Protein backbone atom coordinates (compact mmCIF):
# COMPACT_ATOMS: atom_id res chain seq x y z
CA MET A 1 -37.56 -80.95 -45.82
CA LYS A 2 -36.40 -77.84 -47.60
CA GLY A 3 -35.23 -78.47 -51.14
CA ASN A 4 -31.70 -77.50 -50.16
CA GLU A 5 -31.72 -80.10 -47.38
CA ALA A 6 -33.39 -82.82 -49.42
CA LEU A 7 -30.82 -82.63 -52.22
CA CYS A 8 -28.09 -83.13 -49.60
CA GLU A 9 -29.68 -86.26 -48.19
CA ALA A 10 -30.13 -87.61 -51.71
CA ALA A 11 -26.46 -86.98 -52.46
CA ILE A 12 -25.39 -88.78 -49.28
CA ARG A 13 -27.56 -91.76 -50.21
CA ALA A 14 -26.00 -91.72 -53.68
CA GLY A 15 -22.57 -92.25 -52.15
CA CYS A 16 -21.24 -88.68 -52.22
CA GLN A 17 -17.85 -88.81 -50.50
CA ALA A 18 -16.89 -85.15 -50.50
CA TYR A 19 -18.63 -81.78 -50.53
CA PHE A 20 -16.84 -78.49 -51.19
CA GLY A 21 -18.71 -75.20 -51.04
CA TYR A 22 -18.77 -71.52 -50.22
CA PRO A 23 -21.81 -69.76 -48.69
CA ILE A 24 -24.22 -67.82 -50.89
CA THR A 25 -27.95 -67.22 -50.50
CA PRO A 26 -30.39 -68.85 -51.35
CA GLN A 27 -28.52 -72.18 -51.08
CA ASN A 28 -26.78 -71.72 -47.72
CA GLU A 29 -28.70 -74.62 -46.19
CA VAL A 30 -26.78 -77.02 -48.45
CA ALA A 31 -23.44 -76.20 -46.86
CA GLU A 32 -25.02 -76.03 -43.41
CA TYR A 33 -26.64 -79.45 -43.76
CA MET A 34 -23.58 -81.09 -45.30
CA SER A 35 -21.27 -79.65 -42.60
CA ARG A 36 -23.18 -81.79 -40.11
CA ARG A 37 -24.23 -84.87 -42.08
CA MET A 38 -20.97 -85.54 -43.90
CA PHE A 39 -19.09 -85.74 -40.61
CA GLU A 40 -21.77 -88.03 -39.20
CA GLU A 41 -21.19 -90.32 -42.16
CA GLY A 42 -17.39 -90.14 -41.88
CA ARG A 43 -17.06 -88.26 -45.15
CA GLN A 44 -15.37 -85.04 -46.21
CA PHE A 45 -16.76 -81.51 -45.91
CA VAL A 46 -14.73 -78.40 -46.69
CA GLN A 47 -15.95 -74.81 -46.59
CA THR A 48 -13.62 -73.20 -49.08
CA GLU A 49 -12.27 -69.66 -49.30
CA SER A 50 -13.99 -68.95 -52.64
CA GLU A 51 -15.98 -70.49 -55.45
CA VAL A 52 -12.82 -70.64 -57.56
CA ALA A 53 -11.17 -72.75 -54.85
CA THR A 54 -14.35 -74.81 -54.59
CA ILE A 55 -14.46 -75.98 -58.19
CA ASN A 56 -10.76 -76.79 -58.23
CA MET A 57 -11.13 -78.93 -55.10
CA VAL A 58 -14.09 -80.63 -56.78
CA PHE A 59 -11.89 -81.21 -59.84
CA GLY A 60 -9.09 -82.72 -57.74
CA ALA A 61 -11.38 -85.05 -55.80
CA ALA A 62 -13.11 -86.11 -59.03
CA CYS A 63 -9.74 -86.92 -60.62
CA ALA A 64 -9.10 -89.22 -57.66
CA GLY A 65 -12.33 -91.08 -58.43
CA ALA A 66 -14.46 -89.67 -55.62
CA ARG A 67 -18.16 -89.00 -55.88
CA VAL A 68 -18.15 -85.26 -55.25
CA LEU A 69 -20.76 -82.52 -54.97
CA THR A 70 -20.74 -78.76 -54.89
CA SER A 71 -23.49 -76.18 -54.87
CA SER A 72 -23.80 -72.44 -55.27
CA SER A 73 -26.06 -69.74 -56.65
CA SER A 74 -25.75 -67.72 -59.83
CA PRO A 75 -22.73 -65.40 -59.22
CA GLY A 76 -20.88 -68.24 -57.50
CA ILE A 77 -21.52 -70.60 -60.40
CA SER A 78 -20.14 -67.96 -62.77
CA LEU A 79 -16.85 -68.06 -60.88
CA MET A 80 -16.74 -71.85 -61.34
CA GLN A 81 -16.98 -71.84 -65.13
CA GLU A 82 -13.27 -72.24 -65.84
CA GLY A 83 -13.09 -75.27 -63.55
CA ILE A 84 -16.23 -76.80 -65.07
CA SER A 85 -14.60 -76.50 -68.50
CA TYR A 86 -11.49 -78.25 -67.14
CA ALA A 87 -13.61 -81.07 -65.69
CA ALA A 88 -15.52 -81.50 -68.95
CA ALA A 89 -12.30 -81.48 -70.97
CA THR A 90 -10.54 -83.94 -68.66
CA GLU A 91 -13.68 -86.11 -68.54
CA VAL A 92 -14.06 -86.38 -64.81
CA PRO A 93 -17.48 -86.83 -63.14
CA CYS A 94 -18.93 -84.41 -60.60
CA VAL A 95 -22.32 -82.97 -59.62
CA ILE A 96 -22.97 -79.21 -59.46
CA VAL A 97 -26.19 -77.71 -58.12
CA ASN A 98 -27.15 -74.14 -59.00
CA ILE A 99 -29.98 -72.67 -56.92
CA MET A 100 -30.49 -69.71 -59.25
CA ARG A 101 -31.18 -66.18 -58.08
CA GLY A 102 -32.02 -62.84 -59.72
CA GLY A 103 -29.37 -61.09 -61.75
CA PRO A 104 -27.29 -60.01 -63.61
CA GLY A 105 -24.51 -58.87 -61.33
CA LEU A 106 -24.95 -59.46 -57.61
CA GLY A 107 -28.69 -59.15 -58.23
CA ASN A 108 -30.85 -60.38 -55.37
CA ILE A 109 -31.82 -63.58 -53.56
CA ALA A 110 -35.16 -64.07 -55.35
CA PRO A 111 -35.76 -67.04 -57.69
CA SER A 112 -34.66 -66.84 -61.33
CA GLN A 113 -34.05 -69.00 -64.39
CA ALA A 114 -31.61 -66.65 -66.09
CA ASP A 115 -28.64 -69.07 -65.90
CA TYR A 116 -30.24 -71.38 -68.48
CA LEU A 117 -27.99 -70.51 -71.40
CA GLN A 118 -24.88 -70.51 -69.22
CA ALA A 119 -25.63 -74.09 -68.16
CA THR A 120 -26.97 -75.56 -71.39
CA LYS A 121 -24.60 -73.98 -73.90
CA GLY A 122 -21.35 -74.48 -72.01
CA GLY A 123 -20.69 -71.52 -69.72
CA GLY A 124 -16.93 -71.84 -69.81
CA HIS A 125 -14.43 -71.71 -72.65
CA GLY A 126 -14.22 -74.16 -75.54
CA ASP A 127 -16.63 -76.60 -77.19
CA TYR A 128 -18.21 -78.77 -74.50
CA ASN A 129 -21.54 -79.80 -73.02
CA VAL A 130 -22.64 -81.13 -69.66
CA LEU A 131 -25.84 -82.88 -68.65
CA VAL A 132 -28.31 -80.31 -67.28
CA TYR A 133 -31.57 -81.04 -65.43
CA GLY A 134 -34.43 -78.77 -64.34
CA PRO A 135 -36.48 -80.35 -61.50
CA VAL A 136 -40.05 -79.22 -60.78
CA ASN A 137 -40.43 -79.97 -57.05
CA VAL A 138 -38.45 -81.10 -54.02
CA GLN A 139 -39.09 -84.79 -54.66
CA GLU A 140 -37.85 -84.59 -58.23
CA LEU A 141 -34.90 -82.43 -57.18
CA SER A 142 -33.87 -85.20 -54.77
CA GLU A 143 -34.32 -87.96 -57.33
CA ILE A 144 -32.35 -86.09 -59.98
CA VAL A 145 -29.45 -85.37 -57.61
CA TYR A 146 -29.48 -89.04 -56.53
CA ARG A 147 -29.26 -90.25 -60.15
CA ALA A 148 -26.85 -87.49 -61.21
CA PHE A 149 -23.86 -89.26 -59.66
CA ASP A 150 -24.51 -92.38 -61.76
CA LYS A 151 -24.98 -90.24 -64.87
CA ALA A 152 -21.73 -88.41 -64.15
CA ASP A 153 -19.86 -91.70 -63.77
CA LYS A 154 -21.48 -93.22 -66.86
CA TRP A 155 -20.44 -90.37 -69.13
CA ARG A 156 -17.36 -89.16 -67.21
CA SER A 157 -18.89 -85.70 -67.23
CA PRO A 158 -20.03 -82.95 -64.90
CA VAL A 159 -23.79 -82.90 -64.28
CA VAL A 160 -25.53 -79.60 -63.51
CA VAL A 161 -28.85 -79.40 -61.65
CA LEU A 162 -30.70 -76.10 -62.11
CA GLY A 163 -32.97 -75.23 -59.21
CA ASP A 164 -34.03 -71.78 -58.02
CA GLY A 165 -34.59 -69.83 -54.84
CA ILE A 166 -38.16 -71.11 -54.46
CA LEU A 167 -37.22 -74.75 -54.94
CA GLY A 168 -34.29 -74.48 -52.56
CA GLN A 169 -36.30 -72.83 -49.79
CA MET A 170 -39.66 -74.59 -50.26
CA MET A 171 -40.43 -77.28 -47.70
CA GLU A 172 -42.23 -80.47 -48.85
CA THR A 173 -42.55 -84.12 -47.96
CA VAL A 174 -39.81 -86.22 -49.54
CA ASP A 175 -39.89 -90.00 -49.98
CA PHE A 176 -36.43 -91.59 -50.08
CA THR A 177 -37.76 -95.15 -50.40
CA ASP A 178 -36.51 -95.51 -53.98
CA MET A 179 -33.11 -94.04 -53.13
CA PRO A 180 -31.24 -96.88 -51.39
CA ILE A 181 -27.84 -96.09 -49.92
CA LYS A 182 -25.00 -96.61 -52.42
CA THR A 183 -21.25 -96.71 -52.19
CA ASN A 184 -18.80 -95.34 -54.72
CA ASP A 185 -17.50 -98.03 -57.06
CA LEU A 186 -13.83 -97.10 -57.33
CA ALA A 187 -13.06 -100.36 -59.11
CA SER A 188 -14.99 -99.12 -62.13
CA LYS A 189 -12.71 -96.06 -62.28
CA GLU A 190 -9.34 -97.79 -62.07
CA SER A 191 -8.80 -97.48 -65.82
CA TRP A 192 -8.64 -93.67 -65.62
CA ALA A 193 -8.73 -92.27 -62.06
CA VAL A 194 -5.64 -91.10 -60.18
CA THR A 195 -5.95 -93.61 -57.33
CA GLY A 196 -2.33 -94.66 -56.93
CA CYS A 197 -0.56 -96.92 -59.42
CA LYS A 198 0.41 -99.96 -57.41
CA ALA A 199 0.66 -102.93 -59.79
CA ARG A 200 -0.33 -100.83 -62.81
CA ASP A 201 0.92 -98.02 -64.99
CA PRO A 202 0.10 -94.52 -63.74
CA ASN A 203 -2.97 -92.68 -64.98
CA ILE A 204 -2.40 -89.12 -66.14
CA LEU A 205 -5.31 -86.69 -66.42
CA TYR A 206 -4.87 -83.45 -68.33
CA SER A 207 -6.56 -81.13 -70.83
CA LEU A 208 -3.47 -79.32 -72.12
CA ILE A 209 -2.89 -80.46 -75.73
CA ILE A 210 -0.44 -78.09 -77.40
CA VAL A 211 -0.60 -79.40 -80.98
CA PRO A 212 -3.76 -78.03 -82.67
CA GLU A 213 -4.31 -81.15 -84.78
CA GLU A 214 -4.21 -83.33 -81.67
CA MET A 215 -6.54 -80.93 -79.86
CA GLU A 216 -8.95 -81.11 -82.79
CA LYS A 217 -8.88 -84.91 -82.70
CA TYR A 218 -9.67 -84.85 -78.98
CA ASN A 219 -12.51 -82.37 -79.57
CA TRP A 220 -14.06 -84.76 -82.09
CA HIS A 221 -13.83 -87.51 -79.48
CA LEU A 222 -15.81 -85.30 -77.08
CA GLN A 223 -18.38 -84.47 -79.76
CA GLU A 224 -18.93 -88.17 -80.43
CA LYS A 225 -19.62 -88.65 -76.73
CA TYR A 226 -22.04 -85.72 -76.67
CA ALA A 227 -23.91 -87.18 -79.65
CA LYS A 228 -24.41 -90.42 -77.70
CA MET A 229 -25.60 -88.43 -74.69
CA GLU A 230 -28.12 -86.61 -76.89
CA ALA A 231 -29.42 -89.95 -78.15
CA GLU A 232 -29.77 -91.56 -74.71
CA GLU A 233 -30.41 -88.89 -72.09
CA VAL A 234 -33.43 -86.86 -73.26
CA VAL A 235 -36.13 -86.65 -70.56
CA PHE A 236 -39.39 -84.70 -70.64
CA ASP A 237 -42.93 -84.68 -69.29
CA GLU A 238 -46.16 -83.48 -70.86
CA LEU A 239 -49.82 -82.97 -70.06
CA GLY A 240 -52.59 -82.77 -72.66
CA CYS A 241 -50.30 -81.98 -75.59
CA ASP A 242 -51.76 -84.42 -78.12
CA ASP A 243 -54.99 -82.46 -78.69
CA ALA A 244 -53.77 -79.04 -77.54
CA GLU A 245 -54.38 -75.91 -79.59
CA VAL A 246 -51.89 -74.08 -77.37
CA VAL A 247 -48.90 -75.83 -75.79
CA ALA A 248 -47.25 -74.04 -72.88
CA ILE A 249 -43.55 -74.80 -72.44
CA ALA A 250 -41.84 -74.29 -69.09
CA TYR A 251 -39.45 -76.00 -66.68
CA GLY A 252 -38.79 -75.92 -62.96
CA ILE A 253 -40.98 -73.84 -60.68
CA VAL A 254 -42.64 -72.07 -63.63
CA ALA A 255 -43.79 -75.44 -65.00
CA ARG A 256 -45.29 -76.24 -61.62
CA ILE A 257 -47.35 -73.05 -61.64
CA THR A 258 -48.32 -73.59 -65.27
CA LYS A 259 -49.42 -77.19 -64.67
CA THR A 260 -52.01 -76.00 -62.16
CA VAL A 261 -53.38 -73.59 -64.76
CA ILE A 262 -53.42 -76.21 -67.54
CA ARG A 263 -55.38 -78.68 -65.40
CA LYS A 264 -57.94 -76.01 -64.53
CA MET A 265 -58.35 -74.95 -68.15
CA ARG A 266 -58.67 -78.53 -69.40
CA ASP A 267 -61.32 -79.21 -66.77
CA SER A 268 -63.28 -76.35 -68.31
CA GLY A 269 -62.99 -77.90 -71.78
CA LYS A 270 -60.15 -75.86 -73.25
CA LYS A 271 -57.62 -77.67 -75.41
CA VAL A 272 -54.35 -76.63 -73.83
CA GLY A 273 -51.24 -78.59 -72.87
CA LEU A 274 -47.96 -78.36 -70.99
CA PHE A 275 -44.61 -79.55 -72.33
CA ARG A 276 -41.92 -79.71 -69.65
CA PRO A 277 -38.29 -80.43 -70.54
CA ILE A 278 -36.57 -82.19 -67.64
CA SER A 279 -33.24 -82.62 -69.38
CA LEU A 280 -32.38 -79.08 -70.44
CA TRP A 281 -29.32 -80.46 -72.18
CA PRO A 282 -29.82 -82.59 -74.12
CA PHE A 283 -33.02 -80.73 -75.00
CA PRO A 284 -36.06 -82.69 -76.29
CA TYR A 285 -36.12 -81.07 -79.73
CA ALA A 286 -37.58 -84.09 -81.50
CA ARG A 287 -40.81 -84.14 -79.49
CA LEU A 288 -41.35 -80.42 -80.06
CA THR A 289 -40.80 -80.89 -83.77
CA GLU A 290 -43.41 -83.64 -83.73
CA LEU A 291 -45.92 -81.46 -81.89
CA ALA A 292 -45.27 -78.65 -84.36
CA LYS A 293 -46.44 -80.81 -87.29
CA ASP A 294 -49.96 -79.55 -86.57
CA PRO A 295 -49.77 -76.18 -88.40
CA LYS A 296 -52.57 -74.66 -86.28
CA ARG A 297 -50.89 -75.40 -82.96
CA LYS A 298 -49.39 -72.44 -81.10
CA PHE A 299 -46.64 -72.50 -78.48
CA LEU A 300 -46.13 -70.34 -75.40
CA VAL A 301 -42.78 -70.18 -73.61
CA LEU A 302 -42.93 -69.16 -69.95
CA GLU A 303 -39.64 -68.53 -68.17
CA MET A 304 -38.10 -66.36 -65.48
CA ALA A 305 -35.52 -65.10 -67.97
CA PHE A 306 -35.54 -63.36 -71.33
CA GLU A 307 -35.60 -65.60 -74.40
CA GLN A 308 -33.23 -68.24 -73.04
CA LEU A 309 -35.41 -71.37 -72.92
CA ALA A 310 -37.18 -69.78 -75.90
CA GLN A 311 -34.10 -70.24 -78.08
CA ASP A 312 -34.28 -74.01 -77.71
CA VAL A 313 -38.03 -73.94 -78.32
CA TRP A 314 -37.48 -72.03 -81.57
CA LEU A 315 -35.04 -74.74 -82.68
CA GLY A 316 -37.55 -77.48 -81.85
CA VAL A 317 -40.65 -75.88 -83.36
CA LYS A 318 -38.69 -74.65 -86.42
CA ASP A 319 -41.10 -71.72 -86.84
CA ARG A 320 -40.43 -68.75 -84.60
CA ASP A 321 -43.65 -67.03 -85.68
CA ARG A 322 -45.70 -69.73 -83.92
CA VAL A 323 -43.90 -69.24 -80.60
CA GLU A 324 -45.01 -66.56 -78.15
CA GLY A 325 -43.07 -65.68 -75.04
CA ALA A 326 -43.95 -64.60 -71.51
CA TYR A 327 -40.99 -63.53 -69.40
CA LYS A 328 -40.32 -62.49 -65.81
CA LEU A 329 -36.96 -60.91 -65.06
CA GLY A 330 -34.81 -60.15 -62.05
CA GLY A 331 -36.37 -62.64 -59.63
CA VAL A 332 -40.09 -61.92 -60.21
CA LEU A 333 -42.37 -64.97 -60.12
CA PHE A 334 -45.35 -65.75 -62.35
CA ASN A 335 -48.81 -66.01 -60.81
CA PRO A 336 -51.49 -68.39 -62.12
CA VAL A 337 -53.92 -65.62 -63.15
CA GLU A 338 -51.51 -64.01 -65.61
CA VAL A 339 -50.46 -67.41 -66.98
CA GLU A 340 -54.11 -68.24 -67.69
CA GLU A 341 -54.71 -64.84 -69.30
CA LYS A 342 -51.71 -65.29 -71.57
CA ILE A 343 -52.82 -68.77 -72.69
CA ASN A 344 -56.38 -67.52 -73.28
CA SER A 345 -55.03 -64.72 -75.48
CA LEU A 346 -53.59 -67.36 -77.83
CA LEU A 347 -56.68 -69.58 -78.01
């Protein structure tokens, strides 16, 4: 299946009850697939009139306790930022997939990673965070989307999945064996969701708090939740880092390319490693700090953006002088030869 199709099937298996979306390349297959499959499953599909309408429909369905999904690509996600801030502030769960493309502006339909800071540092207004994941292949994309609905419910938070144009369009075998079909547990949401108030007091969901002192108190409540998320939700993968003289750091499709290079170089006896953050927020700072205890170890950031992932690496390594960067901008992809040359230059 294409990545765009596989994430849909994973969402359906996870109990997604409603999909709202507006077409934009390179994620159009998501809306196309869901327009067929959601009706087959007796669920809700709406092609909206805009991305602004999309995120507000997502917000409304989430307030009603539904498991809800939307997807878009970079410019469309930008239009959703106000609504994502509302969902984070109101503490309602939803899943948002961004199949990133080249920018800024309208850009192009080639793969990019330049929405990293927007996703991980809260792209909308106010102090908030959302869970952010960066899958490396179609299988992991499916598994992350499948689990994202549970994570959203657990933390009452939006979850963002950052893919890219390659991952969305690439076709691979996908195994759904470990993704059994789920149903939405509305009973677990009765304490807060707007599901009708028969035999109970009404639930009221809002983010408008006029008194600054009360708004500050609520902000501290959110920060306490985010601290718990940072303690419990860090996920990463690594290859050969323990003895590495140079550790390459990448996520998503760039990590996939880099992993091939690292394996080849290690087979030839070179001490190199790959560190791959899977949770982009919360970021695995602690493991990077541990790896940086070896004062001779160097780090190489590879990303299809300019110094976005690098900013988190600097915070983890705590020594910017030991971190080199290799960047591709505007939708240009790395190739294995140049990745190997860059790593060799640091050895």
